[in-house]
Amino acid sequence: MLKHKTPDNIRKPFANYSHGVEITAGARMVFTSGQLAVSVDDVIPTDTRAQAELCFDNIEKILQASDMEMSDVVRINAYVTGREHMAPYMAARDARFGSPAPASTLMIVSGFTRAEFTVEIEAIAAKE
């Protein structure tokens, strides 16, 4: 069982995420590698929201291979190449996760292995 932690004695999250998520003992865990937005036929979407959606699609497929789903995600680490990519990424994230949402970190980085990538996402999931 997952317990989302957003204590009343600290500032509420800036967006749709939990400050922490407790995982009960005995849960299975899956850690994904960072997913870049490249389809199975090597197509890379041109806009950040579509890239983020493809990254989340890939994460969902990895979780399904372990009999898990997106609601089992406890933490997201995301990286974008500029502030202009934050809102499209967050729109894709918020469309995938209800409330309470996973713990989440978003960082701005200088770039990825190929210039056309604007976002990379990794996740940790847990299920009893």
C-alpha atoms as a PDB file:
ATOM      1  CA  MET A   1       0.000   0.000   0.000  1.00  0.00           C
ATOM      2  CA  LEU A   2       1.209   3.491  -0.846  1.00  0.00           C
ATOM      3  CA  LYS A   3       0.834   6.377   1.593  1.00  0.00           C
ATOM      4  CA  HIS A   4       1.180   9.847   0.065  1.00  0.00           C
ATOM      5  CA  LYS A   5       2.793  12.385   2.385  1.00  0.00           C
ATOM      6  CA  THR A   6       2.018  16.094   2.185  1.00  0.00           C
ATOM      7  CA  PRO A   7       2.305  17.315   5.789  1.00  0.00           C
ATOM      8  CA  ASP A   8       0.282  20.360   6.834  1.00  0.00           C
ATOM      9  CA  ASN A   9       3.315  21.895   8.538  1.00  0.00           C
ATOM     10  CA  ILE A  10       5.258  22.499   5.288  1.00  0.00           C
ATOM     11  CA  ARG A  11       4.302  24.500   2.191  1.00  0.00           C
ATOM     12  CA  LYS A  12       1.871  22.746  -0.135  1.00  0.00           C
ATOM     13  CA  PRO A  13       3.429  21.450  -3.396  1.00  0.00           C
ATOM     14  CA  PHE A  14       3.823  23.965  -6.224  1.00  0.00           C
ATOM     15  CA  ALA A  15       1.982  21.647  -8.633  1.00  0.00           C
ATOM     16  CA  ASN A  16       0.309  18.216  -8.804  1.00  0.00           C
ATOM     17  CA  TYR A  17       2.770  16.082  -6.819  1.00  0.00           C
ATOM     18  CA  SER A  18       3.205  14.679  -3.311  1.00  0.00           C
ATOM     19  CA  HIS A  19       6.109  15.706  -1.109  1.00  0.00           C
ATOM     20  CA  GLY A  20       6.709  12.026  -0.365  1.00  0.00           C
ATOM     21  CA  VAL A  21       5.277   8.551  -0.819  1.00  0.00           C
ATOM     22  CA  GLU A  22       5.696   5.780   1.745  1.00  0.00           C
ATOM     23  CA  ILE A  23       5.954   2.218   0.438  1.00  0.00           C
ATOM     24  CA  THR A  24       4.950  -0.573   2.812  1.00  0.00           C
ATOM     25  CA  ALA A  25       7.312  -3.461   3.486  1.00  0.00           C
ATOM     26  CA  GLY A  26       7.162  -6.342   1.048  1.00  0.00           C
ATOM     27  CA  ALA A  27       6.190  -4.283  -1.997  1.00  0.00           C
ATOM     28  CA  ARG A  28       7.716  -5.109  -5.367  1.00  0.00           C
ATOM     29  CA  MET A  29       9.506  -2.188  -6.988  1.00  0.00           C
ATOM     30  CA  VAL A  30      10.345  -1.261 -10.584  1.00  0.00           C
ATOM     31  CA  PHE A  31      12.886   1.430 -11.490  1.00  0.00           C
ATOM     32  CA  THR A  32      12.772   2.640 -15.081  1.00  0.00           C
ATOM     33  CA  SER A  33      15.672   4.114 -16.938  1.00  0.00           C
ATOM     34  CA  GLY A  34      15.213   7.620 -18.259  1.00  0.00           C
ATOM     35  CA  GLN A  35      12.890   7.463 -21.248  1.00  0.00           C
ATOM     36  CA  LEU A  36      13.482   9.697 -24.247  1.00  0.00           C
ATOM     37  CA  ALA A  37      10.710  10.358 -26.742  1.00  0.00           C
ATOM     38  CA  VAL A  38      11.572   8.024 -29.565  1.00  0.00           C
ATOM     39  CA  SER A  39       8.993   5.614 -30.946  1.00  0.00           C
ATOM     40  CA  VAL A  40       9.648   1.999 -31.886  1.00  0.00           C
ATOM     41  CA  ASP A  41      10.038   3.159 -35.519  1.00  0.00           C
ATOM     42  CA  ASP A  42      12.509   5.937 -34.518  1.00  0.00           C
ATOM     43  CA  VAL A  43      10.082   8.864 -34.796  1.00  0.00           C
ATOM     44  CA  ILE A  44      10.713  11.764 -32.407  1.00  0.00           C
ATOM     45  CA  PRO A  45       7.811  14.182 -31.843  1.00  0.00           C
ATOM     46  CA  THR A  46       8.705  17.823 -32.395  1.00  0.00           C
ATOM     47  CA  ASP A  47       6.876  19.375 -29.421  1.00  0.00           C
ATOM     48  CA  THR A  48       7.560  18.834 -25.735  1.00  0.00           C
ATOM     49  CA  ARG A  49       4.053  17.755 -24.722  1.00  0.00           C
ATOM     50  CA  ALA A  50       4.057  14.996 -27.364  1.00  0.00           C
ATOM     51  CA  GLN A  51       7.551  13.975 -26.281  1.00  0.00           C
ATOM     52  CA  ALA A  52       6.470  13.776 -22.641  1.00  0.00           C
ATOM     53  CA  GLU A  53       3.392  11.747 -23.575  1.00  0.00           C
ATOM     54  CA  LEU A  54       5.579   9.281 -25.488  1.00  0.00           C
ATOM     55  CA  CYS A  55       7.969   9.034 -22.530  1.00  0.00           C
ATOM     56  CA  PHE A  56       5.015   8.249 -20.243  1.00  0.00           C
ATOM     57  CA  ASP A  57       3.680   5.732 -22.813  1.00  0.00           C
ATOM     58  CA  ASN A  58       7.035   3.952 -22.702  1.00  0.00           C
ATOM     59  CA  ILE A  59       7.087   3.974 -18.896  1.00  0.00           C
ATOM     60  CA  GLU A  60       3.570   2.534 -18.854  1.00  0.00           C
ATOM     61  CA  LYS A  61       4.666  -0.320 -21.148  1.00  0.00           C
ATOM     62  CA  ILE A  62       7.644  -1.081 -18.892  1.00  0.00           C
ATOM     63  CA  LEU A  63       5.328  -1.194 -15.876  1.00  0.00           C
ATOM     64  CA  GLN A  64       2.818  -3.410 -17.692  1.00  0.00           C
ATOM     65  CA  ALA A  65       5.653  -5.883 -18.301  1.00  0.00           C
ATOM     66  CA  SER A  66       5.837  -6.156 -14.483  1.00  0.00           C
ATOM     67  CA  ASP A  67       2.067  -6.337 -13.940  1.00  0.00           C
ATOM     68  CA  MET A  68       1.971  -2.733 -12.773  1.00  0.00           C
ATOM     69  CA  GLU A  69       0.242   0.416 -13.961  1.00  0.00           C
ATOM     70  CA  MET A  70       0.766   4.175 -13.779  1.00  0.00           C
ATOM     71  CA  SER A  71      -1.143   4.382 -10.497  1.00  0.00           C
ATOM     72  CA  ASP A  72       1.719   2.358  -8.959  1.00  0.00           C
ATOM     73  CA  VAL A  73       4.265   5.117  -9.715  1.00  0.00           C
ATOM     74  CA  VAL A  74       5.647   6.576  -6.495  1.00  0.00           C
ATOM     75  CA  ARG A  75       8.302   8.922  -7.896  1.00  0.00           C
ATOM     76  CA  ILE A  76       9.002  10.725 -11.154  1.00  0.00           C
ATOM     77  CA  ASN A  77      12.273  12.398 -12.084  1.00  0.00           C
ATOM     78  CA  ALA A  78      11.986  14.562 -15.182  1.00  0.00           C
ATOM     79  CA  TYR A  79      14.470  16.682 -17.058  1.00  0.00           C
ATOM     80  CA  VAL A  80      13.747  19.402 -19.622  1.00  0.00           C
ATOM     81  CA  THR A  81      16.137  21.496 -21.691  1.00  0.00           C
ATOM     82  CA  GLY A  82      14.599  24.880 -20.862  1.00  0.00           C
ATOM     83  CA  ARG A  83      11.945  26.682 -18.836  1.00  0.00           C
ATOM     84  CA  GLU A  84       9.711  26.876 -21.916  1.00  0.00           C
ATOM     85  CA  HIS A  85       9.393  23.076 -21.768  1.00  0.00           C
ATOM     86  CA  MET A  86       8.204  22.945 -18.139  1.00  0.00           C
ATOM     87  CA  ALA A  87       4.509  23.723 -18.757  1.00  0.00           C
ATOM     88  CA  PRO A  88       4.060  21.242 -21.648  1.00  0.00           C
ATOM     89  CA  TYR A  89       5.797  18.533 -19.602  1.00  0.00           C
ATOM     90  CA  MET A  90       3.638  19.271 -16.540  1.00  0.00           C
ATOM     91  CA  ALA A  91       0.459  19.204 -18.662  1.00  0.00           C
ATOM     92  CA  ALA A  92       1.376  15.700 -19.881  1.00  0.00           C
ATOM     93  CA  ARG A  93       2.270  14.602 -16.335  1.00  0.00           C
ATOM     94  CA  ASP A  94      -0.940  15.982 -14.856  1.00  0.00           C
ATOM     95  CA  ALA A  95      -3.015  14.234 -17.560  1.00  0.00           C
ATOM     96  CA  ARG A  96      -1.514  10.884 -16.458  1.00  0.00           C
ATOM     97  CA  PHE A  97      -1.715  11.211 -12.699  1.00  0.00           C
ATOM     98  CA  GLY A  98      -4.678  12.043 -10.511  1.00  0.00           C
ATOM     99  CA  SER A  99      -4.547  13.037  -6.905  1.00  0.00           C
ATOM    100  CA  PRO A 100      -2.706  12.143  -4.823  1.00  0.00           C
ATOM    101  CA  ALA A 101       0.093  12.279  -7.359  1.00  0.00           C
ATOM    102  CA  PRO A 102       3.541  10.686  -7.069  1.00  0.00           C
ATOM    103  CA  ALA A 103       6.520  12.478  -5.600  1.00  0.00           C
ATOM    104  CA  SER A 104       8.163  14.405  -8.422  1.00  0.00           C
ATOM    105  CA  THR A 105      11.308  16.336  -9.304  1.00  0.00           C
ATOM    106  CA  LEU A 106      11.730  18.474 -12.436  1.00  0.00           C
ATOM    107  CA  MET A 107      15.154  19.770 -13.434  1.00  0.00           C
ATOM    108  CA  ILE A 108      16.407  21.943 -16.261  1.00  0.00           C
ATOM    109  CA  VAL A 109      19.450  20.446 -17.988  1.00  0.00           C
ATOM    110  CA  SER A 110      21.682  21.640 -20.805  1.00  0.00           C
ATOM    111  CA  GLY A 111      20.718  18.867 -23.220  1.00  0.00           C
ATOM    112  CA  PHE A 112      20.469  15.191 -24.086  1.00  0.00           C
ATOM    113  CA  THR A 113      22.230  12.822 -26.477  1.00  0.00           C
ATOM    114  CA  ARG A 114      20.429  14.341 -29.474  1.00  0.00           C
ATOM    115  CA  ALA A 115      19.447  18.002 -29.850  1.00  0.00           C
ATOM    116  CA  GLU A 116      15.817  17.233 -30.816  1.00  0.00           C
ATOM    117  CA  PHE A 117      15.022  15.753 -27.385  1.00  0.00           C
ATOM    118  CA  THR A 118      13.523  18.297 -24.954  1.00  0.00           C
ATOM    119  CA  VAL A 119      12.422  15.998 -22.113  1.00  0.00           C
ATOM    120  CA  GLU A 120      13.515  12.775 -20.387  1.00  0.00           C
ATOM    121  CA  ILE A 121      11.491  11.003 -17.699  1.00  0.00           C
ATOM    122  CA  GLU A 122      12.264   8.169 -15.284  1.00  0.00           C
ATOM    123  CA  ALA A 123       9.976   6.590 -12.731  1.00  0.00           C
ATOM    124  CA  ILE A 124       9.899   4.364  -9.677  1.00  0.00           C
ATOM    125  CA  ALA A 125       6.830   2.197  -9.076  1.00  0.00           C
ATOM    126  CA  ALA A 126       5.819  -0.076  -6.201  1.00  0.00           C
ATOM    127  CA  LYS A 127       3.067  -2.630  -5.786  1.00  0.00           C
ATOM    128  CA  GLU A 128       2.196  -5.143  -3.071  1.00  0.00           C
END
